[in-house]
């Protein structure tokens, strides 16, 4: 592969893949679960520490194995082909493609906010509860358009990523500083006055104080939203084979990108807490808390501006996910663990067949209407694979102490311990209090085991 991507391009991929629709939406449900601005900040801080710690740890593995495939390659090299395949299988089945579908549909929903005729139009097709809407068609159109753009060469995908990521970063910064300038009355002190006390109001029936099991379950549910908004930074590792000086630039991109994004997320949540009351955050229409904040600051004009911001954000996010994900499936195919038809590059030296296969499956997930549920179910699995990969740093130091490491984990072993503790807390709380988020993901991963043995049996034959 030609190494065409510089450090700036890699940082744009990290930030562009992370910033999608989550930061504009999830804080509403987080507030309903915990009822306190204090707890909202605590959950975002925990997510920030975990995300940056994981990025620091991944850097050591990226310097040891600077090839396309990223996390798939690290898991394969460290724990064997089956572990790598199960991750790649989950990535194709729903983690990457489901995220592409969910973010593309978010683009469609905010497009419909600006053009209400899309929202009000009857379904194109309906059979019982299954329906195909114009918003889904818009989402599929975005996926196929960006898939096509990325088949035109890495430079095309890189240009779209850089332009749209820069635009949404500028827009988020404008939201933060504009909010500070335009804010007339601050609700921040009111929203954090409860301290460690927590409350819950899931259905709008009124706030009730919670503790014990209910509080732990609320923390778990709130962390699902924060973590969903903070994943996909590892996408830059998928294209390590096309980054210049990957032993150094991949880790730099991950640490710089995740740190900047999480700082922006914390500042955005400060604006929400300062601009809106507790009820306004928790019960923003369709959870569009960012739109509610913009309306408070600029009136109806603010809602239109924010909707365009989310459209820019989701468009750039889909592009980053499309660009990176296809490289994993091509690498798996080269290892004999995926369809061999996706191995060849096209004449522009990009994995066009892998891109189109990813795009078609993501489009089908858009039509299924189940992408949101699937992503909730696999958040647990995503963190489990993160934890396994982070632990891989420790395992590799024991297994291959002599292997060259151009970068060694900063302040080792503290980032490893921090991530494993926070990730373990998150997964443990979900297992105990929110099983609906755990067992479906387990089933998805387990379905990959017979497929793995079938593939290896065919290879042996």
Protein backbone atom coordinates (compact mmCIF):
# COMPACT_ATOMS: atom_id res chain seq x y z
CA UNK A 1 0.00 0.00 0.00
CA UNK A 2 1.15 3.55 -0.74
CA UNK A 3 1.59 5.66 2.40
CA UNK A 4 -0.34 8.75 1.33
CA UNK A 5 -1.75 9.97 4.67
CA UNK A 6 0.08 12.48 6.87
CA UNK A 7 -0.35 13.07 10.61
CA UNK A 8 -2.97 15.78 9.95
CA UNK A 9 -5.00 13.35 7.81
CA UNK A 10 -4.81 10.70 10.53
CA UNK A 11 -5.98 13.16 13.21
CA UNK A 12 -8.90 14.16 10.99
CA UNK A 13 -9.88 10.49 10.63
CA UNK A 14 -9.79 10.01 14.42
CA UNK A 15 -11.85 13.12 15.16
CA UNK A 16 -14.17 12.73 12.20
CA UNK A 17 -14.97 9.11 13.05
CA UNK A 18 -15.68 9.96 16.70
CA UNK A 19 -17.88 13.04 16.26
CA UNK A 20 -21.16 11.86 14.80
CA UNK A 21 -24.64 12.34 16.20
CA UNK A 22 -24.10 11.11 19.79
CA UNK A 23 -22.84 14.31 21.41
CA UNK A 24 -25.92 16.17 20.13
CA UNK A 25 -28.38 13.63 21.56
CA UNK A 26 -27.25 11.27 24.33
CA UNK A 27 -27.04 13.77 27.18
CA UNK A 28 -30.86 13.84 27.33
CA UNK A 29 -31.14 10.16 28.24
CA UNK A 30 -28.13 10.45 30.56
CA UNK A 31 -29.94 13.19 32.48
CA UNK A 32 -33.15 11.12 32.67
CA UNK A 33 -31.13 8.23 34.12
CA UNK A 34 -29.23 10.22 36.77
CA UNK A 35 -31.07 13.54 37.18
CA UNK A 36 -28.03 15.57 38.19
CA UNK A 37 -25.59 17.71 36.25
CA UNK A 38 -22.93 16.57 38.70
CA UNK A 39 -23.40 12.93 37.70
CA UNK A 40 -23.58 13.89 34.03
CA UNK A 41 -20.12 15.45 34.27
CA UNK A 42 -18.76 12.47 36.26
CA UNK A 43 -19.88 9.98 33.57
CA UNK A 44 -18.34 12.10 30.79
CA UNK A 45 -15.10 12.46 32.77
CA UNK A 46 -14.93 8.68 33.29
CA UNK A 47 -15.47 8.18 29.56
CA UNK A 48 -12.78 10.76 28.77
CA UNK A 49 -10.19 9.08 31.01
CA UNK A 50 -11.05 5.65 29.58
CA UNK A 51 -10.94 6.78 25.94
CA UNK A 52 -7.60 8.61 26.16
CA UNK A 53 -6.08 5.78 28.24
CA UNK A 54 -7.10 3.22 25.61
CA UNK A 55 -5.64 5.38 22.82
CA UNK A 56 -2.33 5.61 24.70
CA UNK A 57 -2.26 1.80 25.06
CA UNK A 58 -3.20 1.12 21.42
CA UNK A 59 -0.21 3.23 20.41
CA UNK A 60 2.26 0.59 21.56
CA UNK A 61 0.52 -2.13 19.53
CA UNK A 62 0.26 0.15 16.50
CA UNK A 63 4.01 0.75 16.61
CA UNK A 64 4.65 -3.02 16.79
CA UNK A 65 2.25 -3.96 13.98
CA UNK A 66 1.99 -0.95 11.64
CA UNK A 67 -0.07 -2.68 8.97
CA UNK A 68 -3.57 -2.39 7.59
CA UNK A 69 -6.27 -3.94 9.72
CA UNK A 70 -5.33 -2.22 12.96
CA UNK A 71 -7.18 -3.67 15.93
CA UNK A 72 -7.93 -6.86 13.98
CA UNK A 73 -4.20 -7.29 13.34
CA UNK A 74 -3.29 -6.59 16.99
CA UNK A 75 -5.77 -9.19 18.26
CA UNK A 76 -4.65 -11.76 15.67
CA UNK A 77 -0.95 -11.29 16.40
CA UNK A 78 -1.49 -11.33 20.17
CA UNK A 79 -4.23 -13.88 20.81
CA UNK A 80 -4.52 -15.86 17.58
CA UNK A 81 -6.61 -16.09 14.44
CA UNK A 82 -9.91 -16.95 16.11
CA UNK A 83 -9.87 -13.87 18.36
CA UNK A 84 -9.01 -11.68 15.38
CA UNK A 85 -11.76 -13.28 13.30
CA UNK A 86 -14.42 -12.87 16.00
CA UNK A 87 -13.59 -9.18 16.21
CA UNK A 88 -13.64 -8.80 12.42
CA UNK A 89 -16.88 -10.78 12.19
CA UNK A 90 -18.55 -8.55 14.79
CA UNK A 91 -17.16 -5.48 13.04
CA UNK A 92 -18.71 -6.47 9.71
CA UNK A 93 -21.96 -7.84 11.12
CA UNK A 94 -22.89 -4.74 13.08
CA UNK A 95 -20.17 -2.72 14.86
CA UNK A 96 -18.85 -0.87 11.79
CA UNK A 97 -21.78 -1.29 9.42
CA UNK A 98 -24.38 -0.71 12.15
CA UNK A 99 -22.63 2.50 13.19
CA UNK A 100 -22.54 3.63 9.55
CA UNK A 101 -26.28 2.92 9.28
CA UNK A 102 -27.15 4.65 12.58
CA UNK A 103 -25.16 7.79 11.80
CA UNK A 104 -26.50 7.94 8.23
CA UNK A 105 -30.08 7.70 9.51
CA UNK A 106 -29.28 10.49 11.99
CA UNK A 107 -28.25 12.55 8.94
CA UNK A 108 -31.61 11.72 7.39
CA UNK A 109 -33.53 12.70 10.54
CA UNK A 110 -31.85 16.10 10.82
CA UNK A 111 -32.36 16.64 7.09
CA UNK A 112 -36.05 16.01 7.72
CA UNK A 113 -35.94 18.57 10.53
CA UNK A 114 -34.91 21.22 7.99
CA UNK A 115 -37.21 19.87 5.27
CA UNK A 116 -40.36 18.78 7.16
CA UNK A 117 -41.93 17.35 4.00
CA UNK A 118 -39.50 14.43 4.33
CA UNK A 119 -40.72 13.80 7.86
CA UNK A 120 -44.39 14.20 7.03
CA UNK A 121 -44.35 12.09 3.86
CA UNK A 122 -46.10 8.69 4.13
CA UNK A 123 -43.87 5.58 4.08
CA UNK A 124 -42.76 4.43 0.65
CA UNK A 125 -43.60 0.88 1.70
CA UNK A 126 -45.23 -0.57 4.81
CA UNK A 127 -46.09 -4.09 5.88
CA UNK A 128 -47.14 -4.29 9.52
CA UNK A 129 -44.45 -2.67 11.67
CA UNK A 130 -41.87 -2.83 8.86
CA UNK A 131 -41.64 0.30 6.76
CA UNK A 132 -39.34 2.11 4.38
CA UNK A 133 -39.30 5.88 4.83
CA UNK A 134 -37.77 8.75 2.90
CA UNK A 135 -35.34 9.33 5.77
CA UNK A 136 -34.01 5.80 5.29
CA UNK A 137 -33.66 6.44 1.56
CA UNK A 138 -31.67 9.61 2.30
CA UNK A 139 -29.45 7.59 4.66
CA UNK A 140 -28.83 4.91 2.03
CA UNK A 141 -28.10 7.60 -0.54
CA UNK A 142 -25.43 9.10 1.74
CA UNK A 143 -23.83 5.68 2.35
CA UNK A 144 -23.71 4.83 -1.36
CA UNK A 145 -22.48 8.32 -2.31
CA UNK A 146 -19.60 8.21 0.17
CA UNK A 147 -18.79 4.62 -0.78
CA UNK A 148 -18.51 5.77 -4.40
CA UNK A 149 -16.35 8.77 -3.40
CA UNK A 150 -13.96 6.48 -1.55
CA UNK A 151 -13.69 4.09 -4.52
CA UNK A 152 -12.34 7.03 -6.53
CA UNK A 153 -9.09 6.92 -4.57
CA UNK A 154 -7.71 7.61 -1.13
CA UNK A 155 -7.19 11.28 -1.95
CA UNK A 156 -10.93 11.72 -2.59
CA UNK A 157 -11.91 10.16 0.74
CA UNK A 158 -9.16 12.09 2.53
CA UNK A 159 -10.34 15.41 1.08
CA UNK A 160 -13.96 14.84 2.16
CA UNK A 161 -12.79 13.78 5.62
CA UNK A 162 -10.51 16.76 6.16
CA UNK A 163 -13.03 19.35 4.93
CA UNK A 164 -16.03 18.06 6.87
CA UNK A 165 -14.09 17.26 10.05
CA UNK A 166 -12.54 20.73 10.08
CA UNK A 167 -16.00 22.24 9.48
CA UNK A 168 -17.65 20.40 12.37
CA UNK A 169 -14.77 21.12 14.76
CA UNK A 170 -15.06 24.83 13.96
CA UNK A 171 -18.84 24.60 14.40
CA UNK A 172 -18.53 22.86 17.79
CA UNK A 173 -16.04 25.46 18.97
CA UNK A 174 -18.46 28.16 17.76
CA UNK A 175 -21.27 26.48 19.74
CA UNK A 176 -19.16 26.53 22.91
CA UNK A 177 -17.89 30.09 22.66
CA UNK A 178 -21.12 31.38 21.14
CA UNK A 179 -22.99 29.81 24.03
CA UNK A 180 -20.72 31.51 26.55
CA UNK A 181 -21.22 34.87 24.83
CA UNK A 182 -24.96 34.66 24.14
CA UNK A 183 -26.08 33.01 27.37
CA UNK A 184 -28.40 35.30 29.33
CA UNK A 185 -29.18 33.12 32.36
CA UNK A 186 -27.00 30.24 33.59
CA UNK A 187 -28.61 27.07 34.96
CA UNK A 188 -25.25 25.46 35.74
CA UNK A 189 -25.31 26.02 39.52
CA UNK A 190 -28.91 24.79 39.64
CA UNK A 191 -28.04 21.65 37.66
CA UNK A 192 -25.08 20.67 39.85
CA UNK A 193 -26.58 21.63 43.22
CA UNK A 194 -27.55 18.02 44.03
CA UNK A 195 -23.94 16.84 44.34
CA UNK A 196 -23.72 13.05 44.64
CA UNK A 197 -27.51 12.71 45.02
CA UNK A 198 -29.10 11.11 41.96
CA UNK A 199 -32.63 11.11 40.56
CA UNK A 200 -34.49 9.34 37.79
CA UNK A 201 -37.37 10.30 35.55
CA UNK A 202 -37.57 7.92 32.61
CA UNK A 203 -41.16 8.53 31.47
CA UNK A 204 -41.75 12.14 32.52
CA UNK A 205 -43.85 11.19 35.54
CA UNK A 206 -41.64 13.14 37.95
CA UNK A 207 -38.19 12.97 39.54
CA UNK A 208 -37.55 10.41 42.27
CA UNK A 209 -34.39 10.02 44.33
CA UNK A 210 -32.41 6.84 43.57
CA UNK A 211 -29.54 4.96 45.17
CA UNK A 212 -28.23 1.40 45.46
CA UNK A 213 -29.09 -0.90 42.54
CA UNK A 214 -31.16 1.72 40.72
CA UNK A 215 -28.29 4.21 40.82
CA UNK A 216 -25.78 1.63 39.56
CA UNK A 217 -28.16 0.65 36.76
CA UNK A 218 -28.59 4.33 35.88
CA UNK A 219 -24.82 4.82 35.71
CA UNK A 220 -24.52 1.81 33.40
CA UNK A 221 -27.27 3.08 31.09
CA UNK A 222 -25.78 6.59 31.06
CA UNK A 223 -22.33 5.22 30.21
CA UNK A 224 -23.79 3.41 27.17
CA UNK A 225 -24.62 6.80 25.66
CA UNK A 226 -21.29 8.39 26.55
CA UNK A 227 -19.28 5.43 25.26
CA UNK A 228 -21.35 5.22 22.04
CA UNK A 229 -20.40 8.86 21.40
CA UNK A 230 -16.71 8.20 22.07
CA UNK A 231 -15.91 5.07 20.04
CA UNK A 232 -14.56 4.62 16.49
CA UNK A 233 -11.30 6.49 17.19
CA UNK A 234 -9.52 3.18 16.53
CA UNK A 235 -10.62 3.42 12.88
CA UNK A 236 -7.33 5.17 12.15
CA UNK A 237 -5.50 1.92 12.98
CA UNK A 238 -7.45 0.15 10.20
CA UNK A 239 -5.57 2.20 7.60
CA UNK A 240 -2.10 2.04 9.19
CA UNK A 241 -0.77 0.62 5.93
CA UNK A 242 -1.51 3.94 4.21
CA UNK A 243 -0.15 6.33 6.88
CA UNK A 244 3.36 7.77 6.67
CA UNK A 245 5.65 6.75 9.55
CA UNK A 246 2.83 4.73 11.16
CA UNK A 247 4.98 3.63 14.12
CA UNK A 248 4.77 7.21 15.40
CA UNK A 249 1.96 8.97 13.57
CA UNK A 250 -0.81 6.49 14.45
CA UNK A 251 -0.35 6.89 18.21
CA UNK A 252 0.07 10.66 17.84
CA UNK A 253 -3.17 10.85 15.87
CA UNK A 254 -5.07 8.72 18.40
CA UNK A 255 -3.90 10.65 21.46
CA UNK A 256 -4.27 14.10 19.89
CA UNK A 257 -7.61 13.27 18.29
CA UNK A 258 -9.25 11.61 21.30
CA UNK A 259 -8.01 14.31 23.70
CA UNK A 260 -9.38 17.14 21.56
CA UNK A 261 -12.73 15.44 20.94
CA UNK A 262 -13.31 14.57 24.59
CA UNK A 263 -12.42 18.15 25.60
CA UNK A 264 -15.00 19.42 23.10
CA UNK A 265 -17.56 16.95 24.48
CA UNK A 266 -17.01 18.20 28.04
CA UNK A 267 -17.35 21.83 26.91
CA UNK A 268 -20.54 21.04 24.97
CA UNK A 269 -22.05 19.42 28.05
CA UNK A 270 -21.13 22.50 30.07
CA UNK A 271 -23.09 24.60 27.54
CA UNK A 272 -26.09 22.23 27.86
CA UNK A 273 -25.97 22.45 31.66
CA UNK A 274 -25.58 26.22 31.64
CA UNK A 275 -28.14 26.96 28.92
CA UNK A 276 -30.95 24.53 29.84
CA UNK A 277 -32.72 23.47 33.01
CA UNK A 278 -32.70 19.84 34.14
CA UNK A 279 -36.12 19.17 32.58
CA UNK A 280 -35.18 20.92 29.34
CA UNK A 281 -32.13 18.67 28.99
CA UNK A 282 -33.93 15.47 29.95
CA UNK A 283 -36.99 16.03 27.78
CA UNK A 284 -35.64 17.87 24.76
CA UNK A 285 -37.79 17.01 21.73
CA UNK A 286 -36.57 13.71 20.24
CA UNK A 287 -33.56 13.98 22.61
CA UNK A 288 -32.14 16.79 20.43
CA UNK A 289 -30.53 18.54 23.40
CA UNK A 290 -28.12 20.50 21.19
CA UNK A 291 -31.02 21.85 19.14
CA UNK A 292 -32.81 22.85 22.37
CA UNK A 293 -29.69 24.71 23.53
CA UNK A 294 -29.31 26.46 20.16
CA UNK A 295 -32.96 27.53 20.26
CA UNK A 296 -32.44 29.03 23.72
CA UNK A 297 -29.44 30.99 22.42
CA UNK A 298 -30.59 32.06 18.95
CA UNK A 299 -34.29 31.29 18.70
CA UNK A 300 -35.63 29.40 15.67
CA UNK A 301 -32.57 30.41 13.62
CA UNK A 302 -30.45 28.51 16.13
CA UNK A 303 -32.36 25.28 15.53
CA UNK A 304 -31.72 25.48 11.78
CA UNK A 305 -28.03 26.27 12.34
CA UNK A 306 -27.70 23.33 14.74
CA UNK A 307 -29.48 20.96 12.36
CA UNK A 308 -27.00 21.90 9.62
CA UNK A 309 -24.15 21.37 12.09
CA UNK A 310 -25.37 17.85 12.85
CA UNK A 311 -25.74 17.14 9.14
CA UNK A 312 -22.13 18.23 8.58
CA UNK A 313 -21.02 16.16 11.57
CA UNK A 314 -22.82 12.98 10.55
CA UNK A 315 -21.75 13.29 6.90
CA UNK A 316 -18.09 13.49 7.89
CA UNK A 317 -18.49 10.69 10.42
CA UNK A 318 -20.01 8.32 7.84
CA UNK A 319 -17.15 9.09 5.46
CA UNK A 320 -14.52 8.24 8.08
CA UNK A 321 -16.24 4.97 8.97
CA UNK A 322 -16.66 3.99 5.30
CA UNK A 323 -13.04 4.85 4.46
CA UNK A 324 -11.51 2.87 7.34
CA UNK A 325 -13.74 -0.18 7.77
CA UNK A 326 -13.23 -1.64 4.30
CA UNK A 327 -9.48 -1.98 4.95
CA UNK A 328 -10.15 -4.45 7.78
CA UNK A 329 -12.28 -6.74 5.66
CA UNK A 330 -9.68 -6.70 2.87
CA UNK A 331 -6.95 -7.62 5.39
CA UNK A 332 -9.11 -10.45 6.76
CA UNK A 333 -9.60 -11.75 3.22
CA UNK A 334 -5.82 -11.75 2.65
CA UNK A 335 -5.52 -13.84 5.83
CA UNK A 336 -8.09 -16.29 4.47
CA UNK A 337 -10.80 -15.23 6.94
CA UNK A 338 -13.17 -13.32 4.64
CA UNK A 339 -14.43 -13.43 1.07
CA UNK A 340 -11.39 -13.67 -1.24
CA UNK A 341 -13.26 -11.59 -3.84
CA UNK A 342 -12.59 -8.41 -1.81
CA UNK A 343 -8.79 -8.77 -1.89
CA UNK A 344 -7.93 -6.89 -5.12
CA UNK A 345 -7.57 -3.12 -5.20
CA UNK A 346 -9.08 -1.23 -8.10
CA UNK A 347 -6.96 0.82 -10.51
CA UNK A 348 -7.00 3.70 -8.03
CA UNK A 349 -5.39 1.43 -5.42
CA UNK A 350 -8.31 1.24 -2.99
CA UNK A 351 -10.33 -1.87 -1.94
CA UNK A 352 -13.40 -1.02 -4.01
CA UNK A 353 -15.08 -4.42 -3.65
CA UNK A 354 -14.70 -4.34 0.12
CA UNK A 355 -16.09 -0.79 0.16
CA UNK A 356 -19.16 -1.78 -1.86
CA UNK A 357 -19.81 -4.92 0.21
CA UNK A 358 -19.64 -2.83 3.40
CA UNK A 359 -21.89 -0.17 1.86
CA UNK A 360 -24.54 -2.64 0.70
CA UNK A 361 -24.74 -4.36 4.11
CA UNK A 362 -24.92 -1.02 5.94
CA UNK A 363 -27.73 0.00 3.57
CA UNK A 364 -29.65 -3.18 4.37
CA UNK A 365 -29.26 -2.42 8.08
CA UNK A 366 -30.77 1.02 7.37
CA UNK A 367 -33.81 -0.70 5.87
CA UNK A 368 -34.10 -3.15 8.77
CA UNK A 369 -34.80 -0.32 11.23
CA UNK A 370 -32.92 -2.31 13.89
CA UNK A 371 -29.53 -0.57 13.71
CA UNK A 372 -30.16 1.46 16.88
CA UNK A 373 -31.13 -1.62 18.90
CA UNK A 374 -28.17 -3.53 17.51
CA UNK A 375 -25.74 -0.82 18.52
CA UNK A 376 -27.14 -0.69 22.05
CA UNK A 377 -26.70 -4.45 22.26
CA UNK A 378 -23.10 -4.46 21.02
CA UNK A 379 -21.78 -1.53 23.10
CA UNK A 380 -20.86 -4.17 25.64
CA UNK A 381 -19.02 -6.21 23.00
CA UNK A 382 -17.15 -3.15 21.71
CA UNK A 383 -15.79 -2.44 25.21
CA UNK A 384 -14.93 -6.12 25.75
CA UNK A 385 -12.78 -6.06 22.59
CA UNK A 386 -11.22 -2.77 23.71
CA UNK A 387 -10.33 -4.39 27.05
CA UNK A 388 -8.86 -7.49 25.37
CA UNK A 389 -6.75 -5.28 23.08
CA UNK A 390 -5.53 -3.08 25.96
CA UNK A 391 -4.63 -6.21 27.94
CA UNK A 392 -2.71 -7.28 24.83
CA UNK A 393 -0.08 -4.64 25.70
CA UNK A 394 0.67 -6.51 28.94
CA UNK A 395 0.54 -9.91 27.23
CA UNK A 396 2.88 -8.83 24.44
CA UNK A 397 5.44 -7.53 26.93
CA UNK A 398 5.45 -10.96 28.53
CA UNK A 399 5.23 -12.93 25.30
CA UNK A 400 7.55 -10.85 23.07
CA UNK A 401 9.76 -8.72 25.35
CA UNK A 402 12.47 -8.43 22.67
CA UNK A 403 10.18 -7.21 19.86
CA UNK A 404 10.95 -3.68 18.69
CA UNK A 405 8.62 -1.05 20.15
CA UNK A 406 9.18 2.40 18.55
CA UNK A 407 6.59 3.69 21.02
CA UNK A 408 6.05 2.37 24.54
CA UNK A 409 2.88 3.09 26.50
CA UNK A 410 3.27 6.40 28.35
CA UNK A 411 3.25 5.96 32.17
CA UNK A 412 2.83 2.18 31.75
CA UNK A 413 1.06 0.37 33.42
CA UNK A 414 -1.27 3.15 34.68
CA UNK A 415 -3.21 3.70 31.39
CA UNK A 416 -3.75 -0.09 31.15
CA UNK A 417 -4.99 -0.30 34.74
CA UNK A 418 -7.23 2.76 34.32
CA UNK A 419 -8.91 1.44 31.18
CA UNK A 420 -9.37 -2.08 32.52
CA UNK A 421 -10.88 -0.71 35.74
CA UNK A 422 -13.32 1.66 34.01
CA UNK A 423 -14.16 -0.83 31.25
CA UNK A 424 -14.58 -3.60 33.82
CA UNK A 425 -16.88 -1.35 35.89
CA UNK A 426 -19.00 -0.57 32.82
CA UNK A 427 -19.27 -4.21 31.69
CA UNK A 428 -19.86 -5.47 35.23
CA UNK A 429 -22.71 -3.00 35.80
CA UNK A 430 -24.32 -3.98 32.50
CA UNK A 431 -24.07 -7.71 33.32
CA UNK A 432 -25.70 -7.20 36.72
CA UNK A 433 -28.26 -4.48 36.03
CA UNK A 434 -28.82 -4.15 32.27
CA UNK A 435 -28.65 -7.65 30.79
CA UNK A 436 -30.54 -6.53 27.68
CA UNK A 437 -27.34 -4.74 26.66
CA UNK A 438 -25.12 -7.81 27.12
CA UNK A 439 -26.46 -11.22 26.07
CA UNK A 440 -27.48 -10.23 22.49
CA UNK A 441 -23.91 -9.08 21.88
CA UNK A 442 -22.55 -12.34 23.29
CA UNK A 443 -24.80 -14.29 20.91
CA UNK A 444 -23.57 -12.21 17.97
CA UNK A 445 -19.93 -13.00 18.81
CA UNK A 446 -20.66 -16.70 19.43
CA UNK A 447 -22.31 -16.97 15.99
CA UNK A 448 -18.87 -16.28 14.56
CA UNK A 449 -17.35 -19.44 16.07
CA UNK A 450 -19.01 -21.99 13.73
CA UNK A 451 -18.35 -19.63 10.81
CA UNK A 452 -14.67 -19.53 11.75
CA UNK A 453 -14.40 -23.33 11.83
CA UNK A 454 -16.31 -23.60 8.56
CA UNK A 455 -13.88 -21.19 6.88
CA UNK A 456 -10.84 -23.08 8.23
CA UNK A 457 -12.33 -26.40 7.17
CA UNK A 458 -12.72 -25.12 3.61
CA UNK A 459 -9.12 -23.84 3.65
CA UNK A 460 -7.87 -27.23 4.82
CA UNK A 461 -9.82 -28.97 2.10
